[in-house]
């Protein structure tokens, strides 16, 4: 029995090279999506690290400014009356 032309063509598409090509591209696309998600996560972590670094730098600068307004301390001043 011969299949009608449309069914025969569909069957060939599923078993033939175009179907393998579609599967290969689908697998590659999923790998690329996973890699992009990984890179996005790494970039987000790096941005958070940069934000923390900027904050630490700001705090250190502010401490330096504040300390310039304080009188110098001697060893006795730091230890209190026990020295």
PDB file of N, CA and C in Angstrom:
ATOM      1  N   UNK A   1       0.840  -1.167   0.000  1.00  0.00           N
ATOM      2  CA  UNK A   1       0.000   0.000   0.000  1.00  0.00           C
ATOM      3  C   UNK A   1       0.891   1.238   0.000  1.00  0.00           C
ATOM      4  N   UNK A   2       0.555   2.181  -0.808  1.00  0.00           N
ATOM      5  CA  UNK A   2       1.321   3.417  -0.919  1.00  0.00           C
ATOM      6  C   UNK A   2       0.667   4.486  -0.050  1.00  0.00           C
ATOM      7  N   UNK A   3       1.490   5.225   0.659  1.00  0.00           N
ATOM      8  CA  UNK A   3       0.976   6.324   1.457  1.00  0.00           C
ATOM      9  C   UNK A   3       0.751   7.530   0.568  1.00  0.00           C
ATOM     10  N   UNK A   4      -0.216   8.338   0.909  1.00  0.00           N
ATOM     11  CA  UNK A   4      -0.374   9.578   0.155  1.00  0.00           C
ATOM     12  C   UNK A   4       0.901  10.409   0.271  1.00  0.00           C
ATOM     13  N   UNK A   5       1.116  11.266  -0.666  1.00  0.00           N
ATOM     14  CA  UNK A   5       2.349  12.035  -0.775  1.00  0.00           C
ATOM     15  C   UNK A   5       2.636  12.874   0.485  1.00  0.00           C
ATOM     16  N   UNK A   6       1.639  13.491   1.091  1.00  0.00           N
ATOM     17  CA  UNK A   6       1.869  14.348   2.250  1.00  0.00           C
ATOM     18  C   UNK A   6       2.350  13.535   3.447  1.00  0.00           C
ATOM     19  N   UNK A   7       1.773  12.356   3.675  1.00  0.00           N
ATOM     20  CA  UNK A   7       2.208  11.519   4.793  1.00  0.00           C
ATOM     21  C   UNK A   7       3.613  10.978   4.543  1.00  0.00           C
ATOM     22  N   UNK A   8       3.893  10.603   3.329  1.00  0.00           N
ATOM     23  CA  UNK A   8       5.208  10.083   2.991  1.00  0.00           C
ATOM     24  C   UNK A   8       6.276  11.150   3.216  1.00  0.00           C
ATOM     25  N   UNK A   9       6.010  12.385   2.832  1.00  0.00           N
ATOM     26  CA  UNK A   9       6.969  13.477   3.019  1.00  0.00           C
ATOM     27  C   UNK A   9       7.214  13.766   4.492  1.00  0.00           C
ATOM     28  N   UNK A  10       6.176  13.727   5.298  1.00  0.00           N
ATOM     29  CA  UNK A  10       6.311  13.957   6.737  1.00  0.00           C
ATOM     30  C   UNK A  10       7.152  12.861   7.368  1.00  0.00           C
ATOM     31  N   UNK A  11       6.930  11.648   6.951  1.00  0.00           N
ATOM     32  CA  UNK A  11       7.687  10.521   7.474  1.00  0.00           C
ATOM     33  C   UNK A  11       9.169  10.675   7.136  1.00  0.00           C
ATOM     34  N   UNK A  12       9.460  11.090   5.932  1.00  0.00           N
ATOM     35  CA  UNK A  12      10.852  11.298   5.535  1.00  0.00           C
ATOM     36  C   UNK A  12      11.490  12.442   6.330  1.00  0.00           C
ATOM     37  N   UNK A  13      10.732  13.473   6.609  1.00  0.00           N
ATOM     38  CA  UNK A  13      11.254  14.598   7.374  1.00  0.00           C
ATOM     39  C   UNK A  13      11.638  14.160   8.783  1.00  0.00           C
ATOM     40  N   UNK A  14      10.809  13.308   9.401  1.00  0.00           N
ATOM     41  CA  UNK A  14      11.101  12.849  10.752  1.00  0.00           C
ATOM     42  C   UNK A  14      12.336  11.959  10.803  1.00  0.00           C
ATOM     43  N   UNK A  15      12.547  11.136   9.798  1.00  0.00           N
ATOM     44  CA  UNK A  15      13.657  10.196   9.808  1.00  0.00           C
ATOM     45  C   UNK A  15      14.892  10.740   9.102  1.00  0.00           C
ATOM     46  N   UNK A  16      14.756  11.820   8.406  1.00  0.00           N
ATOM     47  CA  UNK A  16      15.845  12.289   7.572  1.00  0.00           C
ATOM     48  C   UNK A  16      16.727  13.327   8.224  1.00  0.00           C
ATOM     49  N   UNK A  17      17.592  13.861   7.428  1.00  0.00           N
ATOM     50  CA  UNK A  17      18.578  14.845   7.859  1.00  0.00           C
ATOM     51  C   UNK A  17      17.953  16.107   8.454  1.00  0.00           C
ATOM     52  N   UNK A  18      16.896  16.662   7.897  1.00  0.00           N
ATOM     53  CA  UNK A  18      16.332  17.878   8.487  1.00  0.00           C
ATOM     54  C   UNK A  18      15.898  17.692   9.946  1.00  0.00           C
ATOM     55  N   UNK A  19      15.371  16.527  10.286  1.00  0.00           N
ATOM     56  CA  UNK A  19      14.954  16.290  11.664  1.00  0.00           C
ATOM     57  C   UNK A  19      16.161  16.264  12.590  1.00  0.00           C
ATOM     58  N   UNK A  20      17.247  15.624  12.152  1.00  0.00           N
ATOM     59  CA  UNK A  20      18.472  15.605  12.965  1.00  0.00           C
ATOM     60  C   UNK A  20      19.026  17.011  13.115  1.00  0.00           C
ATOM     61  N   UNK A  21      18.953  17.776  12.058  1.00  0.00           N
ATOM     62  CA  UNK A  21      19.434  19.150  12.098  1.00  0.00           C
ATOM     63  C   UNK A  21      18.622  19.981  13.090  1.00  0.00           C
ATOM     64  N   UNK A  22      17.323  19.778  13.080  1.00  0.00           N
ATOM     65  CA  UNK A  22      16.450  20.492  14.018  1.00  0.00           C
ATOM     66  C   UNK A  22      16.792  20.098  15.451  1.00  0.00           C
ATOM     67  N   UNK A  23      16.967  18.799  15.704  1.00  0.00           N
ATOM     68  CA  UNK A  23      17.324  18.342  17.057  1.00  0.00           C
ATOM     69  C   UNK A  23      18.687  18.900  17.477  1.00  0.00           C
ATOM     70  N   UNK A  24      19.648  18.884  16.571  1.00  0.00           N
ATOM     71  CA  UNK A  24      20.988  19.399  16.872  1.00  0.00           C
ATOM     72  C   UNK A  24      20.929  20.882  17.211  1.00  0.00           C
ATOM     73  N   UNK A  25      20.188  21.624  16.436  1.00  0.00           N
ATOM     74  CA  UNK A  25      20.064  23.062  16.701  1.00  0.00           C
ATOM     75  C   UNK A  25      19.337  23.320  18.019  1.00  0.00           C
ATOM     76  N   UNK A  26      18.355  22.505  18.331  1.00  0.00           N
ATOM     77  CA  UNK A  26      17.613  22.636  19.589  1.00  0.00           C
ATOM     78  C   UNK A  26      18.547  22.392  20.773  1.00  0.00           C
ATOM     79  N   UNK A  27      19.366  21.348  20.676  1.00  0.00           N
ATOM     80  CA  UNK A  27      20.321  21.035  21.740  1.00  0.00           C
ATOM     81  C   UNK A  27      21.325  22.170  21.888  1.00  0.00           C
ATOM     82  N   UNK A  28      21.835  22.665  20.784  1.00  0.00           N
ATOM     83  CA  UNK A  28      22.794  23.774  20.824  1.00  0.00           C
ATOM     84  C   UNK A  28      22.154  25.027  21.418  1.00  0.00           C
ATOM     85  N   UNK A  29      20.921  25.293  21.027  1.00  0.00           N
ATOM     86  CA  UNK A  29      20.207  26.460  21.541  1.00  0.00           C
ATOM     87  C   UNK A  29      20.059  26.357  23.063  1.00  0.00           C
ATOM     88  N   UNK A  30      19.732  25.166  23.561  1.00  0.00           N
ATOM     89  CA  UNK A  30      19.604  24.974  25.004  1.00  0.00           C
ATOM     90  C   UNK A  30      20.944  25.172  25.706  1.00  0.00           C
ATOM     91  N   UNK A  31      22.025  24.721  25.089  1.00  0.00           N
ATOM     92  CA  UNK A  31      23.356  24.930  25.672  1.00  0.00           C
ATOM     93  C   UNK A  31      23.694  26.415  25.712  1.00  0.00           C
ATOM     94  N   UNK A  32      23.380  27.121  24.639  1.00  0.00           N
ATOM     95  CA  UNK A  32      23.654  28.558  24.589  1.00  0.00           C
ATOM     96  C   UNK A  32      22.827  29.284  25.643  1.00  0.00           C
ATOM     97  N   UNK A  33      21.554  28.904  25.784  1.00  0.00           N
ATOM     98  CA  UNK A  33      20.710  29.525  26.802  1.00  0.00           C
ATOM     99  C   UNK A  33      21.275  29.283  28.200  1.00  0.00           C
ATOM    100  N   UNK A  34      21.735  28.072  28.467  1.00  0.00           N
ATOM    101  CA  UNK A  34      22.313  27.760  29.775  1.00  0.00           C
ATOM    102  C   UNK A  34      23.589  28.569  29.996  1.00  0.00           C
ATOM    103  N   UNK A  35      24.403  28.687  28.974  1.00  0.00           N
ATOM    104  CA  UNK A  35      25.648  29.462  29.083  1.00  0.00           C
ATOM    105  C   UNK A  35      25.340  30.938  29.325  1.00  0.00           C
ATOM    106  N   UNK A  36      24.346  31.474  28.628  1.00  0.00           N
ATOM    107  CA  UNK A  36      23.960  32.874  28.831  1.00  0.00           C
ATOM    108  C   UNK A  36      23.433  33.102  30.246  1.00  0.00           C
ATOM    109  N   UNK A  37      22.656  32.167  30.749  1.00  0.00           N
ATOM    110  CA  UNK A  37      22.152  32.286  32.123  1.00  0.00           C
ATOM    111  C   UNK A  37      23.305  32.266  33.114  1.00  0.00           C
ATOM    112  N   UNK A  38      24.307  31.410  32.855  1.00  0.00           N
ATOM    113  CA  UNK A  38      25.487  31.352  33.718  1.00  0.00           C
ATOM    114  C   UNK A  38      26.254  32.666  33.673  1.00  0.00           C
ATOM    115  N   UNK A  39      26.437  33.206  32.491  1.00  0.00           N
ATOM    116  CA  UNK A  39      27.137  34.485  32.355  1.00  0.00           C
ATOM    117  C   UNK A  39      26.368  35.623  33.016  1.00  0.00           C
ATOM    118  N   UNK A  40      25.047  35.628  32.873  1.00  0.00           N
ATOM    119  CA  UNK A  40      24.226  36.643  33.539  1.00  0.00           C
ATOM    120  C   UNK A  40      24.399  36.579  35.056  1.00  0.00           C
ATOM    121  N   UNK A  41      24.427  35.367  35.597  1.00  0.00           N
ATOM    122  CA  UNK A  41      24.601  35.205  37.043  1.00  0.00           C
ATOM    123  C   UNK A  41      25.977  35.704  37.479  1.00  0.00           C
ATOM    124  N   UNK A  42      27.005  35.379  36.702  1.00  0.00           N
ATOM    125  CA  UNK A  42      28.355  35.843  37.035  1.00  0.00           C
ATOM    126  C   UNK A  42      28.449  37.365  36.959  1.00  0.00           C
ATOM    127  N   UNK A  43      27.812  37.953  35.968  1.00  0.00           N
ATOM    128  CA  UNK A  43      27.825  39.417  35.840  1.00  0.00           C
ATOM    129  C   UNK A  43      27.102  40.069  37.009  1.00  0.00           C
ATOM    130  N   UNK A  44      26.013  39.463  37.452  1.00  0.00           N
ATOM    131  CA  UNK A  44      25.280  40.006  38.596  1.00  0.00           C
ATOM    132  C   UNK A  44      26.130  39.943  39.861  1.00  0.00           C
ATOM    133  N   UNK A  45      26.847  38.836  40.050  1.00  0.00           N
ATOM    134  CA  UNK A  45      27.739  38.718  41.201  1.00  0.00           C
ATOM    135  C   UNK A  45      28.862  39.749  41.135  1.00  0.00           C
ATOM    136  N   UNK A  46      29.412  39.929  39.941  1.00  0.00           N
ATOM    137  CA  UNK A  46      30.493  40.906  39.778  1.00  0.00           C
ATOM    138  C   UNK A  46      29.990  42.315  40.069  1.00  0.00           C
ATOM    139  N   UNK A  47      28.800  42.630  39.608  1.00  0.00           N
ATOM    140  CA  UNK A  47      28.228  43.957  39.867  1.00  0.00           C
ATOM    141  C   UNK A  47      28.006  44.158  41.360  1.00  0.00           C
ATOM    142  N   UNK A  48      27.532  43.117  42.047  1.00  0.00           N
ATOM    143  CA  UNK A  48      27.332  43.211  43.493  1.00  0.00           C
ATOM    144  C   UNK A  48      28.664  43.401  44.204  1.00  0.00           C
ATOM    145  N   UNK A  49      29.701  42.679  43.751  1.00  0.00           N
ATOM    146  CA  UNK A  49      31.032  42.842  44.331  1.00  0.00           C
ATOM    147  C   UNK A  49      31.555  44.253  44.122  1.00  0.00           C
ATOM    148  N   UNK A  50      31.333  44.792  42.929  1.00  0.00           N
ATOM    149  CA  UNK A  50      31.783  46.151  42.638  1.00  0.00           C
ATOM    150  C   UNK A  50      31.049  47.171  43.505  1.00  0.00           C
ATOM    151  N   UNK A  51      29.760  46.939  43.734  1.00  0.00           N
ATOM    152  CA  UNK A  51      28.988  47.825  44.605  1.00  0.00           C
ATOM    153  C   UNK A  51      29.528  47.784  46.037  1.00  0.00           C
ATOM    154  N   UNK A  52      29.824  46.569  46.521  1.00  0.00           N
ATOM    155  CA  UNK A  52      30.383  46.440  47.876  1.00  0.00           C
ATOM    156  C   UNK A  52      31.748  47.110  47.967  1.00  0.00           C
ATOM    157  N   UNK A  53      32.570  46.930  46.954  1.00  0.00           N
ATOM    158  CA  UNK A  53      33.896  47.541  46.942  1.00  0.00           C
ATOM    159  C   UNK A  53      33.784  49.064  46.966  1.00  0.00           C
ATOM    160  N   UNK A  54      32.871  49.608  46.196  1.00  0.00           N
ATOM    161  CA  UNK A  54      32.662  51.058  46.183  1.00  0.00           C
ATOM    162  C   UNK A  54      32.195  51.537  47.552  1.00  0.00           C
ATOM    163  N   UNK A  55      31.324  50.763  48.191  1.00  0.00           N
ATOM    164  CA  UNK A  55      30.828  51.136  49.518  1.00  0.00           C
ATOM    165  C   UNK A  55      31.964  51.111  50.547  1.00  0.00           C
ATOM    166  N   UNK A  56      32.791  50.082  50.510  1.00  0.00           N
ATOM    167  CA  UNK A  56      33.930  49.987  51.433  1.00  0.00           C
ATOM    168  C   UNK A  56      34.884  51.152  51.206  1.00  0.00           C
ATOM    169  N   UNK A  57      35.141  51.468  49.951  1.00  0.00           N
ATOM    170  CA  UNK A  57      36.023  52.599  49.643  1.00  0.00           C
ATOM    171  C   UNK A  57      35.440  53.902  50.195  1.00  0.00           C
ATOM    172  N   UNK A  58      34.150  54.088  50.055  1.00  0.00           N
ATOM    173  CA  UNK A  58      33.484  55.283  50.563  1.00  0.00           C
ATOM    174  C   UNK A  58      33.599  55.365  52.082  1.00  0.00           C
ATOM    175  N   UNK A  59      33.391  54.239  52.754  1.00  0.00           N
ATOM    176  CA  UNK A  59      33.490  54.209  54.218  1.00  0.00           C
ATOM    177  C   UNK A  59      34.914  54.518  54.657  1.00  0.00           C
ATOM    178  N   UNK A  60      35.899  53.936  53.980  1.00  0.00           N
ATOM    179  CA  UNK A  60      37.297  54.184  54.339  1.00  0.00           C
ATOM    180  C   UNK A  60      37.660  55.659  54.139  1.00  0.00           C
ATOM    181  N   UNK A  61      37.173  56.252  53.064  1.00  0.00           N
ATOM    182  CA  UNK A  61      37.429  57.670  52.806  1.00  0.00           C
ATOM    183  C   UNK A  61      36.798  58.524  53.895  1.00  0.00           C
ATOM    184  N   UNK A  62      35.589  58.180  54.283  1.00  0.00           N
ATOM    185  CA  UNK A  62      34.894  58.938  55.330  1.00  0.00           C
ATOM    186  C   UNK A  62      35.618  58.808  56.671  1.00  0.00           C
ATOM    187  N   UNK A  63      36.088  57.610  57.003  1.00  0.00           N
ATOM    188  CA  UNK A  63      36.858  57.421  58.237  1.00  0.00           C
ATOM    189  C   UNK A  63      38.132  58.258  58.220  1.00  0.00           C
ATOM    190  N   UNK A  64      38.789  58.303  57.073  1.00  0.00           N
ATOM    191  CA  UNK A  64      40.009  59.114  56.959  1.00  0.00           C
ATOM    192  C   UNK A  64      39.690  60.585  57.182  1.00  0.00           C
ATOM    193  N   UNK A  65      38.582  61.055  56.609  1.00  0.00           N
ATOM    194  CA  UNK A  65      38.170  62.449  56.812  1.00  0.00           C
ATOM    195  C   UNK A  65      37.869  62.722  58.276  1.00  0.00           C
ATOM    196  N   UNK A  66      37.148  61.828  58.935  1.00  0.00           N
ATOM    197  CA  UNK A  66      36.795  62.009  60.338  1.00  0.00           C
ATOM    198  C   UNK A  66      38.034  61.964  61.235  1.00  0.00           C
ATOM    199  N   UNK A  67      38.934  61.049  60.931  1.00  0.00           N
ATOM    200  CA  UNK A  67      40.117  60.934  61.778  1.00  0.00           C
ATOM    201  C   UNK A  67      41.015  62.161  61.666  1.00  0.00           C
ATOM    202  N   UNK A  68      40.952  62.850  60.558  1.00  0.00           N
ATOM    203  CA  UNK A  68      41.770  64.057  60.424  1.00  0.00           C
ATOM    204  C   UNK A  68      41.261  65.178  61.334  1.00  0.00           C
ATOM    205  N   UNK A  69      40.030  65.073  61.796  1.00  0.00           N
ATOM    206  CA  UNK A  69      39.456  66.073  62.690  1.00  0.00           C
ATOM    207  C   UNK A  69      39.636  65.729  64.167  1.00  0.00           C
ATOM    208  N   UNK A  70      40.134  64.553  64.464  1.00  0.00           N
ATOM    209  CA  UNK A  70      40.330  64.135  65.852  1.00  0.00           C
ATOM    210  C   UNK A  70      41.735  64.501  66.305  1.00  0.00           C
ATOM    211  N   UNK A  71      41.869  64.818  67.589  1.00  0.00           N
ATOM    212  CA  UNK A  71      43.222  65.092  68.089  1.00  0.00           C
ATOM    213  C   UNK A  71      44.018  63.793  68.165  1.00  0.00           C
ATOM    214  N   UNK A  72      45.331  63.869  68.008  1.00  0.00           N
ATOM    215  CA  UNK A  72      46.135  62.645  68.102  1.00  0.00           C
ATOM    216  C   UNK A  72      46.067  62.067  69.514  1.00  0.00           C
ATOM    217  N   UNK A  73      46.098  60.760  69.611  1.00  0.00           N
ATOM    218  CA  UNK A  73      46.033  60.092  70.908  1.00  0.00           C
ATOM    219  C   UNK A  73      47.405  59.545  71.269  1.00  0.00           C
ATOM    220  N   UNK A  74      47.718  59.603  72.539  1.00  0.00           N
ATOM    221  CA  UNK A  74      48.928  58.977  73.031  1.00  0.00           C
ATOM    222  C   UNK A  74      48.581  57.556  73.494  1.00  0.00           C
ATOM    223  N   UNK A  75      49.598  56.778  73.790  1.00  0.00           N
ATOM    224  CA  UNK A  75      49.353  55.405  74.263  1.00  0.00           C
ATOM    225  C   UNK A  75      48.554  55.426  75.557  1.00  0.00           C
ATOM    226  N   UNK A  76      48.827  56.392  76.424  1.00  0.00           N
ATOM    227  CA  UNK A  76      48.108  56.498  77.695  1.00  0.00           C
ATOM    228  C   UNK A  76      46.637  56.806  77.463  1.00  0.00           C
ATOM    229  N   UNK A  77      46.343  57.687  76.484  1.00  0.00           N
ATOM    230  CA  UNK A  77      44.939  58.029  76.165  1.00  0.00           C
ATOM    231  C   UNK A  77      44.170  56.803  75.677  1.00  0.00           C
ATOM    232  N   UNK A  78      44.828  55.961  74.881  1.00  0.00           N
ATOM    233  CA  UNK A  78      44.141  54.807  74.327  1.00  0.00           C
ATOM    234  C   UNK A  78      43.858  53.741  75.386  1.00  0.00           C
ATOM    235  N   UNK A  79      44.769  53.602  76.340  1.00  0.00           N
ATOM    236  CA  UNK A  79      44.604  52.557  77.348  1.00  0.00           C
ATOM    237  C   UNK A  79      43.770  53.019  78.536  1.00  0.00           C
ATOM    238  N   UNK A  80      43.611  54.301  78.681  1.00  0.00           N
ATOM    239  CA  UNK A  80      42.834  54.812  79.802  1.00  0.00           C
ATOM    240  C   UNK A  80      43.703  55.016  81.020  1.00  0.00           C
ATOM    241  N   UNK A  81      43.100  54.900  82.190  1.00  0.00           N
ATOM    242  CA  UNK A  81      43.808  55.176  83.441  1.00  0.00           C
ATOM    243  C   UNK A  81      44.719  54.048  83.886  1.00  0.00           C
ATOM    244  N   UNK A  82      44.605  52.872  83.297  1.00  0.00           N
ATOM    245  CA  UNK A  82      45.381  51.718  83.743  1.00  0.00           C
ATOM    246  C   UNK A  82      46.837  51.810  83.373  1.00  0.00           C
ATOM    247  N   UNK A  83      47.207  52.625  82.390  1.00  0.00           N
ATOM    248  CA  UNK A  83      48.591  52.678  81.921  1.00  0.00           C
ATOM    249  C   UNK A  83      49.494  53.434  82.836  1.00  0.00           C
TER     250      UNK A  83
END
